[in-house]
N, C-alpha and C. Protein backbone atom coordinates (compact mmCIF):
# COMPACT_ATOMS: atom_id res chain seq x y z
N MET A 1 77.04 74.80 113.75
CA MET A 1 77.67 76.12 113.69
C MET A 1 78.92 76.06 112.81
N ARG A 2 79.10 77.08 112.01
CA ARG A 2 80.25 77.12 111.09
C ARG A 2 81.51 77.54 111.83
N ASN A 3 82.62 77.05 111.36
CA ASN A 3 83.92 77.41 111.93
C ASN A 3 84.33 78.77 111.37
N LEU A 4 84.44 79.77 112.23
CA LEU A 4 84.77 81.13 111.78
C LEU A 4 86.26 81.45 111.92
N GLU A 5 87.06 80.47 112.28
CA GLU A 5 88.49 80.74 112.46
C GLU A 5 89.14 81.24 111.18
N ARG A 6 88.52 81.01 110.04
CA ARG A 6 89.11 81.38 108.75
C ARG A 6 88.57 82.69 108.21
N HIS A 7 87.61 83.33 108.89
CA HIS A 7 86.98 84.57 108.42
C HIS A 7 87.59 85.78 109.11
N TYR A 8 87.97 86.78 108.30
CA TYR A 8 88.63 87.98 108.82
C TYR A 8 87.99 89.23 108.24
N LYS A 9 88.16 90.33 108.94
CA LYS A 9 87.77 91.65 108.44
C LYS A 9 88.99 92.55 108.54
N LEU A 10 88.95 93.65 107.78
CA LEU A 10 90.04 94.63 107.85
C LEU A 10 89.64 95.79 108.74
N VAL A 11 90.54 96.14 109.65
CA VAL A 11 90.37 97.33 110.50
C VAL A 11 91.68 98.09 110.43
N ASN A 12 91.64 99.26 109.78
CA ASN A 12 92.87 100.06 109.61
C ASN A 12 94.01 99.23 109.01
N LYS A 13 93.68 98.47 107.95
CA LYS A 13 94.65 97.65 107.21
C LYS A 13 95.18 96.46 108.00
N GLU A 14 94.55 96.13 109.12
CA GLU A 14 94.94 94.98 109.92
C GLU A 14 93.83 93.93 109.86
N ALA A 15 94.21 92.68 109.62
CA ALA A 15 93.25 91.59 109.56
C ALA A 15 92.88 91.15 110.98
N ILE A 16 91.57 91.18 111.26
CA ILE A 16 91.04 90.82 112.58
C ILE A 16 90.06 89.67 112.40
N PRO A 17 90.18 88.60 113.20
CA PRO A 17 89.22 87.49 113.09
C PRO A 17 87.79 87.97 113.39
N CYS A 18 86.83 87.42 112.68
CA CYS A 18 85.42 87.77 112.89
C CYS A 18 84.79 86.85 113.92
N ASN A 19 83.81 87.39 114.65
CA ASN A 19 83.10 86.62 115.67
C ASN A 19 81.94 85.83 115.08
N ASP A 20 81.35 86.35 113.99
CA ASP A 20 80.22 85.64 113.37
C ASP A 20 80.13 86.03 111.90
N LEU A 21 79.27 85.33 111.16
CA LEU A 21 79.16 85.58 109.72
C LEU A 21 78.58 86.95 109.42
N ASN A 22 77.70 87.47 110.26
CA ASN A 22 77.15 88.81 110.03
C ASN A 22 78.27 89.86 110.09
N GLU A 23 79.13 89.75 111.06
CA GLU A 23 80.27 90.67 111.17
C GLU A 23 81.15 90.57 109.93
N PHE A 24 81.40 89.35 109.48
CA PHE A 24 82.20 89.14 108.27
C PHE A 24 81.53 89.78 107.06
N ALA A 25 80.25 89.51 106.86
CA ALA A 25 79.53 90.02 105.69
C ALA A 25 79.44 91.55 105.71
N GLU A 26 79.17 92.15 106.84
CA GLU A 26 79.04 93.60 106.94
C GLU A 26 80.35 94.33 106.71
N SER A 27 81.46 93.66 106.92
CA SER A 27 82.77 94.31 106.78
C SER A 27 83.34 94.18 105.38
N PHE A 28 82.62 93.55 104.46
CA PHE A 28 83.22 93.14 103.20
C PHE A 28 82.89 94.07 102.04
N GLY A 29 83.30 95.33 102.11
CA GLY A 29 83.16 96.26 100.99
C GLY A 29 84.36 96.15 100.06
N PHE A 30 84.13 96.26 98.75
CA PHE A 30 85.22 96.03 97.79
C PHE A 30 86.32 97.08 97.88
N ASP A 31 85.98 98.36 97.96
CA ASP A 31 87.01 99.39 97.95
C ASP A 31 87.98 99.25 99.11
N GLU A 32 87.49 98.83 100.26
CA GLU A 32 88.36 98.66 101.41
C GLU A 32 89.27 97.45 101.25
N ARG A 33 88.89 96.51 100.41
CA ARG A 33 89.66 95.28 100.22
C ARG A 33 90.81 95.45 99.24
N ARG A 34 90.76 96.44 98.39
CA ARG A 34 91.79 96.60 97.36
C ARG A 34 93.07 97.18 97.97
N VAL A 35 94.14 96.42 97.85
CA VAL A 35 95.45 96.89 98.31
C VAL A 35 96.07 97.75 97.22
N ASP A 36 96.05 97.24 95.98
CA ASP A 36 96.60 97.99 94.86
C ASP A 36 96.14 97.35 93.56
N SER A 37 96.20 98.13 92.51
CA SER A 37 95.84 97.67 91.17
C SER A 37 96.72 98.42 90.18
N THR A 38 97.39 97.68 89.30
CA THR A 38 98.31 98.29 88.33
C THR A 38 97.98 97.77 86.94
N LYS A 39 97.79 98.69 86.01
CA LYS A 39 97.52 98.34 84.62
C LYS A 39 98.80 98.56 83.82
N ILE A 40 99.22 97.54 83.09
CA ILE A 40 100.42 97.61 82.25
C ILE A 40 100.00 97.15 80.86
N GLY A 41 99.79 98.09 79.96
CA GLY A 41 99.21 97.75 78.66
C GLY A 41 97.83 97.17 78.90
N SER A 42 97.58 95.97 78.40
CA SER A 42 96.29 95.32 78.62
C SER A 42 96.35 94.35 79.81
N ILE A 43 97.45 94.35 80.54
CA ILE A 43 97.66 93.43 81.66
C ILE A 43 97.26 94.12 82.96
N LEU A 44 96.60 93.37 83.84
CA LEU A 44 96.21 93.89 85.15
C LEU A 44 96.91 93.10 86.23
N VAL A 45 97.53 93.81 87.18
CA VAL A 45 98.07 93.21 88.40
C VAL A 45 97.18 93.72 89.53
N SER A 46 96.53 92.80 90.23
CA SER A 46 95.56 93.17 91.26
C SER A 46 95.92 92.51 92.58
N THR A 47 95.87 93.29 93.66
CA THR A 47 96.13 92.75 94.99
C THR A 47 94.96 93.14 95.90
N VAL A 48 94.36 92.12 96.53
CA VAL A 48 93.17 92.34 97.36
C VAL A 48 93.27 91.56 98.67
N PHE A 49 92.47 92.00 99.63
CA PHE A 49 92.23 91.28 100.88
C PHE A 49 91.15 90.25 100.59
N LEU A 50 91.42 88.99 100.88
CA LEU A 50 90.48 87.91 100.57
C LEU A 50 89.39 87.76 101.63
N GLY A 51 89.72 88.00 102.88
CA GLY A 51 88.74 87.85 103.95
C GLY A 51 88.65 86.43 104.49
N LEU A 52 89.11 85.48 103.72
CA LEU A 52 89.13 84.07 104.14
C LEU A 52 90.57 83.58 104.13
N ASP A 53 90.92 82.84 105.15
CA ASP A 53 92.27 82.29 105.24
C ASP A 53 92.43 81.20 104.19
N HIS A 54 93.38 81.37 103.28
CA HIS A 54 93.66 80.40 102.23
C HIS A 54 94.89 79.55 102.55
N GLN A 55 95.26 79.49 103.83
CA GLN A 55 96.34 78.61 104.28
C GLN A 55 95.72 77.26 104.60
N PHE A 56 96.01 76.26 103.81
CA PHE A 56 95.39 74.96 104.02
C PHE A 56 96.36 73.95 104.62
N GLY A 57 97.41 74.46 105.22
CA GLY A 57 98.39 73.62 105.91
C GLY A 57 98.85 74.36 107.14
N ASP A 58 100.03 74.04 107.57
CA ASP A 58 100.61 74.75 108.71
C ASP A 58 101.12 76.11 108.26
N GLY A 59 101.12 77.06 109.17
CA GLY A 59 101.65 78.38 108.88
C GLY A 59 100.64 79.46 109.17
N PRO A 60 101.08 80.69 109.01
CA PRO A 60 100.20 81.83 109.30
C PRO A 60 99.08 81.93 108.27
N PRO A 61 98.00 82.62 108.61
CA PRO A 61 96.89 82.76 107.66
C PRO A 61 97.33 83.51 106.40
N LEU A 62 96.83 83.07 105.25
CA LEU A 62 97.08 83.74 103.97
C LEU A 62 95.81 84.47 103.60
N LEU A 63 95.81 85.79 103.75
CA LEU A 63 94.60 86.60 103.68
C LEU A 63 94.57 87.59 102.54
N PHE A 64 95.70 87.79 101.87
CA PHE A 64 95.81 88.74 100.77
C PHE A 64 96.33 88.00 99.55
N GLU A 65 95.95 88.49 98.36
CA GLU A 65 96.36 87.80 97.13
C GLU A 65 96.68 88.80 96.04
N THR A 66 97.80 88.56 95.36
CA THR A 66 98.15 89.27 94.13
C THR A 66 97.94 88.31 92.98
N MET A 67 97.25 88.78 91.93
CA MET A 67 97.05 87.95 90.74
C MET A 67 97.26 88.80 89.50
N VAL A 68 97.83 88.16 88.46
CA VAL A 68 98.06 88.81 87.17
C VAL A 68 97.02 88.29 86.19
N PHE A 69 96.45 89.22 85.43
CA PHE A 69 95.47 88.89 84.40
C PHE A 69 96.02 89.37 83.06
N GLY A 70 96.49 88.40 82.24
CA GLY A 70 97.03 88.72 80.92
C GLY A 70 98.54 88.62 80.89
N GLY A 71 99.08 88.62 79.67
CA GLY A 71 100.52 88.60 79.47
C GLY A 71 101.16 87.26 79.79
N VAL A 72 102.48 87.25 79.84
CA VAL A 72 103.21 86.00 80.06
C VAL A 72 103.03 85.46 81.48
N TYR A 73 102.65 86.30 82.41
CA TYR A 73 102.42 85.87 83.79
C TYR A 73 100.94 85.68 84.10
N ASP A 74 100.11 85.53 83.09
CA ASP A 74 98.67 85.37 83.28
C ASP A 74 98.38 84.28 84.32
N GLN A 75 97.53 84.63 85.29
CA GLN A 75 97.10 83.75 86.39
C GLN A 75 98.20 83.48 87.42
N LYS A 76 99.35 84.14 87.32
CA LYS A 76 100.38 84.02 88.35
C LYS A 76 99.82 84.64 89.62
N MET A 77 100.00 83.96 90.76
CA MET A 77 99.38 84.40 91.99
C MET A 77 100.32 84.18 93.17
N ASN A 78 100.31 85.14 94.09
CA ASN A 78 101.03 85.02 95.35
C ASN A 78 100.09 85.44 96.47
N ARG A 79 100.27 84.83 97.66
CA ARG A 79 99.43 85.16 98.82
C ARG A 79 100.29 85.58 99.99
N TYR A 80 99.68 86.40 100.87
CA TYR A 80 100.41 87.02 101.97
C TYR A 80 99.55 87.04 103.24
N THR A 81 100.21 87.30 104.36
CA THR A 81 99.54 87.35 105.65
C THR A 81 99.11 88.77 106.02
N THR A 82 99.93 89.77 105.72
CA THR A 82 99.65 91.15 106.16
C THR A 82 99.49 92.11 104.99
N TRP A 83 98.88 93.25 105.27
CA TRP A 83 98.72 94.32 104.28
C TRP A 83 100.09 94.76 103.76
N GLU A 84 101.04 94.92 104.67
CA GLU A 84 102.37 95.39 104.29
C GLU A 84 103.06 94.40 103.35
N GLN A 85 102.93 93.11 103.63
CA GLN A 85 103.49 92.09 102.74
C GLN A 85 102.80 92.14 101.38
N ALA A 86 101.49 92.36 101.40
CA ALA A 86 100.73 92.43 100.15
C ALA A 86 101.16 93.63 99.32
N GLU A 87 101.39 94.77 99.96
CA GLU A 87 101.87 95.95 99.22
C GLU A 87 103.22 95.67 98.58
N ALA A 88 104.13 95.09 99.35
CA ALA A 88 105.47 94.78 98.83
C ALA A 88 105.38 93.73 97.72
N GLY A 89 104.55 92.72 97.90
CA GLY A 89 104.38 91.68 96.90
C GLY A 89 103.76 92.21 95.62
N HIS A 90 102.81 93.15 95.77
CA HIS A 90 102.20 93.77 94.58
C HIS A 90 103.26 94.52 93.78
N LYS A 91 104.07 95.30 94.46
CA LYS A 91 105.10 96.07 93.77
C LYS A 91 106.09 95.14 93.06
N GLU A 92 106.48 94.07 93.74
CA GLU A 92 107.42 93.11 93.14
C GLU A 92 106.81 92.47 91.88
N MET A 93 105.54 92.07 91.97
CA MET A 93 104.89 91.44 90.81
C MET A 93 104.71 92.46 89.68
N ALA A 94 104.27 93.68 90.01
CA ALA A 94 104.08 94.70 88.98
C ALA A 94 105.40 95.02 88.29
N ASP A 95 106.49 95.08 89.05
CA ASP A 95 107.82 95.32 88.46
C ASP A 95 108.21 94.18 87.51
N LYS A 96 107.94 92.94 87.92
CA LYS A 96 108.26 91.77 87.09
C LYS A 96 107.44 91.80 85.79
N VAL A 97 106.16 92.12 85.91
CA VAL A 97 105.29 92.19 84.73
C VAL A 97 105.73 93.33 83.81
N GLN A 98 106.07 94.48 84.40
CA GLN A 98 106.52 95.63 83.60
C GLN A 98 107.79 95.29 82.84
N LYS A 99 108.72 94.60 83.49
CA LYS A 99 109.98 94.21 82.84
C LYS A 99 109.69 93.28 81.65
N ALA A 100 108.84 92.28 81.86
CA ALA A 100 108.50 91.36 80.77
C ALA A 100 107.78 92.09 79.65
N PHE A 101 106.90 93.01 80.00
CA PHE A 101 106.17 93.80 79.00
C PHE A 101 107.14 94.64 78.18
N ASN A 102 108.09 95.30 78.85
CA ASN A 102 109.08 96.13 78.15
C ASN A 102 109.95 95.28 77.22
N GLU A 103 110.36 94.12 77.69
CA GLU A 103 111.20 93.24 76.86
C GLU A 103 110.44 92.78 75.63
N GLU A 104 109.17 92.49 75.79
CA GLU A 104 108.36 92.05 74.64
C GLU A 104 108.18 93.20 73.65
N ILE A 105 107.93 94.39 74.14
CA ILE A 105 107.75 95.56 73.28
C ILE A 105 109.04 95.89 72.54
N LEU A 106 110.18 95.74 73.22
CA LEU A 106 111.47 96.11 72.62
C LEU A 106 112.10 95.00 71.80
N ASP A 107 111.49 93.83 71.78
CA ASP A 107 112.01 92.72 71.00
C ASP A 107 111.94 93.07 69.51
N PRO A 108 113.11 93.18 68.81
CA PRO A 108 113.10 93.56 67.41
C PRO A 108 112.26 92.64 66.53
N LYS A 109 112.19 91.36 66.89
CA LYS A 109 111.37 90.42 66.09
C LYS A 109 109.91 90.81 66.14
N LYS A 110 109.48 91.43 67.23
CA LYS A 110 108.08 91.84 67.35
C LYS A 110 107.80 93.12 66.55
N LEU A 111 108.85 93.87 66.22
CA LEU A 111 108.69 95.14 65.52
C LEU A 111 108.77 95.00 64.01
N GLU A 112 109.36 93.90 63.54
CA GLU A 112 109.52 93.72 62.10
C GLU A 112 108.16 93.42 61.45
N PRO A 113 107.86 94.08 60.36
CA PRO A 113 106.61 93.76 59.68
C PRO A 113 106.69 92.36 59.07
N ASN A 114 105.56 91.71 59.01
CA ASN A 114 105.52 90.38 58.39
C ASN A 114 105.64 90.54 56.89
N MET A 115 106.69 89.99 56.35
CA MET A 115 106.93 90.08 54.91
C MET A 115 106.57 88.75 54.28
N PRO A 116 105.85 88.80 53.15
CA PRO A 116 105.55 87.52 52.49
C PRO A 116 106.85 86.87 51.99
N GLY A 117 106.93 85.54 52.15
CA GLY A 117 108.14 84.82 51.79
C GLY A 117 108.16 84.35 50.45
């Protein structure tokens, strides 16, 4: 028998341990798992419910993940225990990515045309 202590489902944005794999599988729709998604230029900041505890040491279960796809923070990732932490973490990461994006866009060196030397 598989150890189900690491499998969770979402009920009203609360992570609940699953009793069996069928319960876990039936509860795993993508739209319900998405906490937030922010597009900044060609960069994506995505925060989702993982459904599996990614805490591989001591501490509370890590069930939510924010990841950046593209830009200077490409593949930057943070994990959280609750929906509320994931929402706050998503906003913090999106703000950080937006700031870096704005700084890159406003960098005068990036705006100068390449002149032959």
